[in-house]
């Protein structure tokens, strides 16, 4: 059942206000988020190092455009974007419901989901009622985590989340909230070459304190340091619940307790939902490697970041209840190295080398 005309008009007014608010924030540059356009300098340094490693010449063609030359071989990059995949592949990969269906057709696990539009909010609400632990609402076509709301649990939150997502696309998607941490598997030319994880927040147990007491102690320390404290929020409740824990649980001494699965992007200068801090390439089990490679092939991508949500990456997704959440074409390589210890991601050398081998002037 669709919304009444009065309800829809009111929702449109709310959306207009949020749109004006977004335009104002974007104009002032006060969102606090770091996106690809802020990383041009970092990518220029990466490409300079890659060119040196490949004994290639790097020419700057424009502010964000460079050309690699090695003999008669040529390839160009635009900031983080490389010359992989054609427009049809990019369009398919950007259509999240279509990608879900393509993967389901190959028996690959994806989150339970439903597509809807702002006027059909009751469709999403019916889905939400069947997933009491919470849902994710997002644009059905988009990138970089823009317009995504997690841990939606009631109709009021659904309306706010749908309005936000509708600022980025008229087509919306509601998905079951999946337990676990976020992983990205980089698939290049049909093979997984690197994997990273966005680790959630963990505390080390002392064997006598409850989780609530551990959080209180940590928050006291954070306050002294002038740092943001740990919020007792939906993500914390959800994360403890799927581990069969609660705030009164007393974990064993020296046990690392996961208390949050998702970084809080509103309070950190980071990309929304796409920040990966730990390399896990050697931990990924063979079954997941094969599934990630199959997922990239099914979309038709030669260069893709396969996003997975799972409690563990060293066991099959069927065992952990994990899913393939998204397929990202034009994946950003800055996720795949530690800038504090490495000058550039090694996989960038592989990616550019393959393109040079393909390209002749």
Protein backbone atom coordinates (compact mmCIF):
# COMPACT_ATOMS: atom_id res chain seq x y z
CA UNK A 1 0.00 0.00 0.00
CA UNK A 2 1.33 3.44 -0.95
CA UNK A 3 1.30 6.51 1.25
CA UNK A 4 -1.70 8.82 1.10
CA UNK A 5 -1.33 12.05 -0.86
CA UNK A 6 -1.12 14.04 2.39
CA UNK A 7 1.55 11.75 3.86
CA UNK A 8 3.58 11.83 0.65
CA UNK A 9 3.41 15.64 0.42
CA UNK A 10 4.66 15.90 3.99
CA UNK A 11 7.48 13.48 3.26
CA UNK A 12 8.40 15.54 0.18
CA UNK A 13 8.60 18.67 2.34
CA UNK A 14 10.89 16.87 4.77
CA UNK A 15 13.01 15.72 1.84
CA UNK A 16 13.20 19.28 0.48
CA UNK A 17 14.46 20.52 3.85
CA UNK A 18 17.09 17.76 4.00
CA UNK A 19 18.14 18.53 0.42
CA UNK A 20 18.63 22.22 1.22
CA UNK A 21 20.51 21.24 4.36
CA UNK A 22 22.77 18.92 2.32
CA UNK A 23 23.45 21.63 -0.29
CA UNK A 24 24.44 24.03 2.49
CA UNK A 25 26.77 21.51 4.14
CA UNK A 26 28.33 20.55 0.80
CA UNK A 27 28.85 24.22 -0.08
CA UNK A 28 30.50 24.97 3.25
CA UNK A 29 32.51 21.74 3.20
CA UNK A 30 31.57 20.97 6.81
CA UNK A 31 30.44 17.35 6.49
CA UNK A 32 33.62 16.13 8.18
CA UNK A 33 33.93 13.32 5.66
CA UNK A 34 36.96 12.54 3.50
CA UNK A 35 36.10 11.31 0.02
CA UNK A 36 38.06 10.50 -3.13
CA UNK A 37 38.23 14.12 -4.23
CA UNK A 38 40.23 14.93 -1.11
CA UNK A 39 42.90 12.33 -1.91
CA UNK A 40 44.30 13.68 -5.18
CA UNK A 41 47.67 14.48 -3.60
CA UNK A 42 47.91 11.02 -2.07
CA UNK A 43 47.17 9.35 -5.40
CA UNK A 44 49.71 11.50 -7.19
CA UNK A 45 52.36 10.25 -4.76
CA UNK A 46 51.17 6.66 -5.25
CA UNK A 47 51.36 6.92 -9.04
CA UNK A 48 54.83 8.47 -8.88
CA UNK A 49 56.06 5.52 -6.81
CA UNK A 50 54.35 2.98 -9.07
CA UNK A 51 55.89 4.56 -12.18
CA UNK A 52 59.33 4.39 -10.60
CA UNK A 53 58.82 0.76 -9.64
CA UNK A 54 57.71 -0.13 -13.19
CA UNK A 55 60.47 1.91 -14.83
CA UNK A 56 57.75 3.95 -16.54
CA UNK A 57 57.33 7.65 -17.24
CA UNK A 58 54.47 9.50 -15.52
CA UNK A 59 53.04 12.55 -17.28
CA UNK A 60 50.52 14.88 -15.67
CA UNK A 61 47.82 15.68 -18.25
CA UNK A 62 45.49 17.64 -15.93
CA UNK A 63 44.94 18.24 -12.22
CA UNK A 64 43.70 14.70 -11.61
CA UNK A 65 44.79 12.91 -14.78
CA UNK A 66 48.12 11.15 -15.35
CA UNK A 67 49.50 8.98 -18.14
CA UNK A 68 51.94 6.12 -17.66
CA UNK A 69 54.34 5.51 -20.55
CA UNK A 70 56.66 2.55 -20.91
CA UNK A 71 58.07 2.25 -24.40
CA UNK A 72 55.05 2.03 -26.69
CA UNK A 73 52.75 1.07 -23.81
CA UNK A 74 50.28 3.62 -22.44
CA UNK A 75 47.60 3.81 -19.78
CA UNK A 76 45.89 6.69 -18.00
CA UNK A 77 44.48 7.19 -14.51
CA UNK A 78 42.03 9.76 -13.20
CA UNK A 79 42.73 10.27 -9.49
CA UNK A 80 41.86 6.79 -8.11
CA UNK A 81 40.21 5.50 -11.31
CA UNK A 82 41.99 3.11 -13.69
CA UNK A 83 41.17 2.01 -17.24
CA UNK A 84 39.33 -1.16 -16.28
CA UNK A 85 35.74 -2.12 -17.15
CA UNK A 86 33.42 -0.68 -19.80
CA UNK A 87 30.37 1.57 -19.23
CA UNK A 88 27.95 -1.37 -19.30
CA UNK A 89 29.84 -3.15 -16.50
CA UNK A 90 29.96 0.07 -14.47
CA UNK A 91 26.23 0.60 -14.89
CA UNK A 92 25.43 -2.98 -13.89
CA UNK A 93 27.67 -2.83 -10.82
CA UNK A 94 26.03 0.42 -9.72
CA UNK A 95 22.61 -1.22 -9.70
CA UNK A 96 22.64 -2.93 -6.30
CA UNK A 97 19.36 -4.88 -6.66
CA UNK A 98 20.49 -6.21 -10.04
CA UNK A 99 23.84 -7.27 -8.59
CA UNK A 100 22.04 -9.06 -5.75
CA UNK A 101 19.93 -10.95 -8.29
CA UNK A 102 22.92 -11.89 -10.44
CA UNK A 103 24.70 -13.29 -7.39
CA UNK A 104 21.61 -15.15 -6.16
CA UNK A 105 21.37 -16.76 -9.60
CA UNK A 106 24.82 -18.23 -8.94
CA UNK A 107 23.88 -19.37 -5.41
CA UNK A 108 26.07 -16.72 -3.81
CA UNK A 109 24.85 -15.39 -0.43
CA UNK A 110 23.48 -11.83 -0.32
CA UNK A 111 21.46 -10.04 2.38
CA UNK A 112 17.70 -10.37 2.36
CA UNK A 113 16.44 -7.16 0.77
CA UNK A 114 13.59 -5.23 -0.82
CA UNK A 115 13.54 -2.36 -3.31
CA UNK A 116 11.15 0.56 -2.89
CA UNK A 117 10.63 4.25 -3.62
CA UNK A 118 9.87 7.06 -1.21
CA UNK A 119 6.17 6.96 -2.01
CA UNK A 120 6.04 3.22 -1.26
CA UNK A 121 7.38 3.45 2.27
CA UNK A 122 4.90 0.86 3.52
CA UNK A 123 6.65 -1.75 1.35
CA UNK A 124 9.86 -1.11 3.25
CA UNK A 125 8.02 -0.99 6.57
CA UNK A 126 6.56 -4.47 5.97
CA UNK A 127 10.08 -5.75 5.33
CA UNK A 128 11.35 -3.99 8.46
CA UNK A 129 8.69 -5.66 10.62
CA UNK A 130 10.11 -9.02 9.59
CA UNK A 131 13.63 -8.09 10.75
CA UNK A 132 13.32 -6.87 14.31
CA UNK A 133 17.08 -6.77 14.88
CA UNK A 134 17.35 -3.95 12.39
CA UNK A 135 17.88 -3.07 8.75
CA UNK A 136 20.09 -0.99 6.50
CA UNK A 137 18.52 1.62 4.21
CA UNK A 138 20.53 2.91 1.25
CA UNK A 139 20.26 4.28 -2.28
CA UNK A 140 19.77 1.42 -4.73
CA UNK A 141 22.48 2.94 -6.88
CA UNK A 142 25.34 4.84 -5.31
CA UNK A 143 28.85 4.57 -3.95
CA UNK A 144 31.09 5.57 -1.06
CA UNK A 145 28.49 4.90 1.63
CA UNK A 146 26.59 8.10 0.84
CA UNK A 147 22.98 8.08 2.02
CA UNK A 148 23.34 4.86 4.04
CA UNK A 149 21.68 4.40 7.44
CA UNK A 150 22.32 1.31 9.57
CA UNK A 151 20.40 -0.22 12.49
CA UNK A 152 16.98 1.07 11.44
CA UNK A 153 14.39 -0.47 13.78
CA UNK A 154 11.12 1.46 13.58
CA UNK A 155 8.91 3.41 11.19
CA UNK A 156 10.10 6.86 12.29
CA UNK A 157 13.72 5.85 11.71
CA UNK A 158 12.76 4.29 8.40
CA UNK A 159 11.23 7.57 7.21
CA UNK A 160 14.36 9.53 8.13
CA UNK A 161 16.62 6.95 6.51
CA UNK A 162 14.53 6.79 3.34
CA UNK A 163 14.51 10.57 2.98
CA UNK A 164 18.29 10.65 3.36
CA UNK A 165 18.80 7.85 0.81
CA UNK A 166 16.40 9.54 -1.63
CA UNK A 167 18.76 12.54 -1.83
CA UNK A 168 21.12 10.28 -3.78
CA UNK A 169 18.69 8.13 -5.80
CA UNK A 170 14.91 7.79 -6.33
CA UNK A 171 15.36 4.02 -6.12
CA UNK A 172 15.89 2.77 -2.57
CA UNK A 173 16.96 -0.48 -0.96
CA UNK A 174 16.31 -1.91 2.48
CA UNK A 175 18.45 -4.84 3.62
CA UNK A 176 18.65 -7.08 6.64
CA UNK A 177 21.36 -5.93 9.06
CA UNK A 178 24.04 -8.65 8.88
CA UNK A 179 26.14 -9.56 11.94
CA UNK A 180 29.88 -9.20 11.50
CA UNK A 181 32.68 -6.96 10.38
CA UNK A 182 33.29 -5.56 6.90
CA UNK A 183 35.85 -7.01 4.52
CA UNK A 184 36.91 -5.97 1.04
CA UNK A 185 38.45 -8.52 -1.33
CA UNK A 186 40.22 -6.97 -4.31
CA UNK A 187 39.77 -9.04 -7.46
CA UNK A 188 42.08 -8.19 -10.37
CA UNK A 189 41.87 -9.95 -13.72
CA UNK A 190 39.78 -12.75 -12.23
CA UNK A 191 41.95 -13.42 -9.16
CA UNK A 192 41.77 -12.16 -5.60
CA UNK A 193 45.02 -10.25 -4.97
CA UNK A 194 44.43 -8.52 -1.65
CA UNK A 195 41.95 -8.40 1.23
CA UNK A 196 41.40 -5.89 4.02
CA UNK A 197 39.10 -5.60 7.02
CA UNK A 198 37.43 -2.68 8.73
CA UNK A 199 37.81 -3.91 12.28
CA UNK A 200 35.19 -2.99 14.82
CA UNK A 201 35.95 -1.69 18.29
CA UNK A 202 37.33 -4.16 20.82
CA UNK A 203 38.09 -4.02 24.53
CA UNK A 204 40.38 -6.36 26.46
CA UNK A 205 38.67 -8.07 29.40
CA UNK A 206 40.24 -8.29 32.85
CA UNK A 207 38.28 -11.37 33.96
CA UNK A 208 36.31 -9.61 36.70
CA UNK A 209 34.62 -6.56 35.14
CA UNK A 210 31.36 -6.57 33.25
CA UNK A 211 31.36 -5.22 29.70
CA UNK A 212 29.54 -2.14 31.01
CA UNK A 213 32.34 -1.57 33.51
CA UNK A 214 35.01 -2.07 30.84
CA UNK A 215 33.30 0.55 28.69
CA UNK A 216 33.01 2.96 31.63
CA UNK A 217 36.73 2.58 32.40
CA UNK A 218 37.63 3.13 28.76
CA UNK A 219 35.36 6.16 28.51
CA UNK A 220 36.97 7.70 31.59
CA UNK A 221 40.35 7.35 29.88
CA UNK A 222 39.01 8.81 26.62
CA UNK A 223 37.58 11.81 28.47
CA UNK A 224 40.95 12.50 30.06
CA UNK A 225 42.50 12.39 26.59
CA UNK A 226 39.82 14.66 25.15
CA UNK A 227 38.73 11.95 22.71
CA UNK A 228 35.15 10.94 21.76
CA UNK A 229 33.72 8.39 24.17
CA UNK A 230 32.11 5.04 23.31
CA UNK A 231 28.38 5.49 22.81
CA UNK A 232 25.95 2.89 24.13
CA UNK A 233 24.08 2.70 20.83
CA UNK A 234 22.29 0.27 18.52
CA UNK A 235 25.52 -1.00 16.99
CA UNK A 236 26.85 -1.89 20.42
CA UNK A 237 23.64 -3.71 21.40
CA UNK A 238 23.49 -5.54 18.06
CA UNK A 239 27.15 -6.54 18.18
CA UNK A 240 26.95 -7.91 21.71
CA UNK A 241 23.67 -9.68 20.99
CA UNK A 242 24.94 -11.73 18.04
CA UNK A 243 27.83 -12.90 20.23
CA UNK A 244 25.31 -13.91 22.94
CA UNK A 245 26.67 -11.22 25.26
CA UNK A 246 25.20 -8.18 26.99
CA UNK A 247 26.45 -5.31 29.14
CA UNK A 248 26.38 -7.48 32.26
CA UNK A 249 28.50 -10.27 30.76
CA UNK A 250 31.93 -10.87 32.34
CA UNK A 251 34.33 -12.10 29.64
CA UNK A 252 37.41 -14.17 30.39
CA UNK A 253 40.66 -12.40 31.23
CA UNK A 254 42.63 -11.10 28.21
CA UNK A 255 39.75 -11.88 25.84
CA UNK A 256 39.33 -9.26 23.10
CA UNK A 257 35.63 -8.42 23.09
CA UNK A 258 34.09 -6.95 19.95
CA UNK A 259 31.70 -4.27 21.15
CA UNK A 260 31.02 -2.42 17.89
CA UNK A 261 30.95 -3.74 14.33
CA UNK A 262 30.73 -0.41 12.48
CA UNK A 263 32.94 2.65 12.71
CA UNK A 264 31.10 5.82 13.65
CA UNK A 265 31.68 7.96 10.55
CA UNK A 266 29.87 11.00 11.91
CA UNK A 267 32.57 11.49 14.51
CA UNK A 268 35.70 10.69 12.53
CA UNK A 269 37.38 12.28 9.53
CA UNK A 270 36.91 9.20 7.35
CA UNK A 271 34.91 7.88 4.42
CA UNK A 272 31.50 6.58 5.36
CA UNK A 273 31.48 2.79 5.84
CA UNK A 274 34.48 2.21 3.62
CA UNK A 275 37.51 2.53 5.89
CA UNK A 276 39.66 -0.59 6.07
CA UNK A 277 42.57 -0.76 8.47
CA UNK A 278 43.93 -4.31 8.54
CA UNK A 279 45.29 -6.59 5.82
CA UNK A 280 43.76 -10.08 6.01
CA UNK A 281 44.76 -11.56 2.64
CA UNK A 282 46.29 -14.67 4.18
CA UNK A 283 43.25 -15.28 6.41
CA UNK A 284 40.60 -15.60 3.70
CA UNK A 285 39.44 -19.19 3.27
CA UNK A 286 39.51 -20.77 -0.19
CA UNK A 287 35.72 -20.94 -0.47
CA UNK A 288 35.35 -17.18 0.06
CA UNK A 289 38.17 -16.45 -2.39
CA UNK A 290 36.35 -18.51 -5.02
CA UNK A 291 33.04 -16.81 -4.27
CA UNK A 292 34.56 -13.33 -4.54
CA UNK A 293 36.17 -14.21 -7.87
CA UNK A 294 32.88 -15.66 -9.12
CA UNK A 295 31.01 -12.53 -8.02
CA UNK A 296 33.37 -10.25 -9.95
CA UNK A 297 33.05 -12.45 -13.04
CA UNK A 298 29.26 -12.46 -12.80
CA UNK A 299 29.20 -8.66 -12.86
CA UNK A 300 31.76 -8.71 -15.67
CA UNK A 301 34.42 -6.71 -13.84
CA UNK A 302 38.17 -7.09 -14.34
CA UNK A 303 38.89 -4.92 -11.30
CA UNK A 304 36.47 -5.03 -8.38
CA UNK A 305 36.27 -4.65 -4.64
CA UNK A 306 33.99 -7.40 -3.36
CA UNK A 307 32.51 -6.27 -0.05
CA UNK A 308 31.68 -8.98 2.47
CA UNK A 309 30.08 -8.81 5.91
CA UNK A 310 30.89 -11.79 8.10
CA UNK A 311 31.78 -12.73 11.65
CA UNK A 312 34.81 -14.59 10.34
CA UNK A 313 36.68 -14.61 7.05
CA UNK A 314 38.55 -17.87 7.65
CA UNK A 315 35.43 -20.05 7.35
CA UNK A 316 32.86 -20.28 4.51
CA UNK A 317 30.12 -17.66 4.46
CA UNK A 318 27.49 -20.38 4.81
CA UNK A 319 29.05 -21.34 8.13
CA UNK A 320 29.38 -17.82 9.55
CA UNK A 321 26.12 -16.44 8.15
CA UNK A 322 28.07 -13.90 6.10
CA UNK A 323 27.06 -12.32 2.80
CA UNK A 324 28.48 -10.60 -0.25
CA UNK A 325 27.16 -7.11 0.33
CA UNK A 326 28.29 -5.16 -2.74
CA UNK A 327 30.52 -5.30 -5.82
CA UNK A 328 32.51 -2.09 -6.27
CA UNK A 329 33.98 -1.35 -9.68
CA UNK A 330 36.71 1.32 -9.80
CA UNK A 331 37.79 0.27 -6.28
CA UNK A 332 39.99 2.77 -4.44
CA UNK A 333 43.51 1.44 -3.89
CA UNK A 334 44.26 3.61 -0.87
CA UNK A 335 42.36 1.06 1.22
CA UNK A 336 44.98 -1.55 0.38
CA UNK A 337 48.08 -0.26 2.13
CA UNK A 338 49.18 1.26 5.43
CA UNK A 339 50.34 4.78 4.62
CA UNK A 340 52.24 4.98 7.92
CA UNK A 341 54.57 2.13 6.94
CA UNK A 342 54.22 1.78 3.15
CA UNK A 343 54.75 4.35 0.40
CA UNK A 344 52.18 2.81 -1.94
CA UNK A 345 49.94 -0.28 -2.28
CA UNK A 346 51.77 -3.14 -3.97
CA UNK A 347 48.59 -4.14 -5.77
CA UNK A 348 48.74 -0.80 -7.60
CA UNK A 349 51.87 -2.02 -9.37
CA UNK A 350 50.05 -5.17 -10.52
CA UNK A 351 47.04 -3.18 -11.70
CA UNK A 352 49.04 -0.64 -13.70
CA UNK A 353 51.40 -3.28 -15.09
CA UNK A 354 48.46 -5.24 -16.52
CA UNK A 355 47.07 -2.11 -18.15
CA UNK A 356 50.44 -1.23 -19.66
CA UNK A 357 50.72 -4.73 -21.09
CA UNK A 358 47.31 -4.25 -22.72
CA UNK A 359 47.93 -0.75 -24.02
CA UNK A 360 49.97 0.15 -27.08
CA UNK A 361 50.28 3.68 -28.44
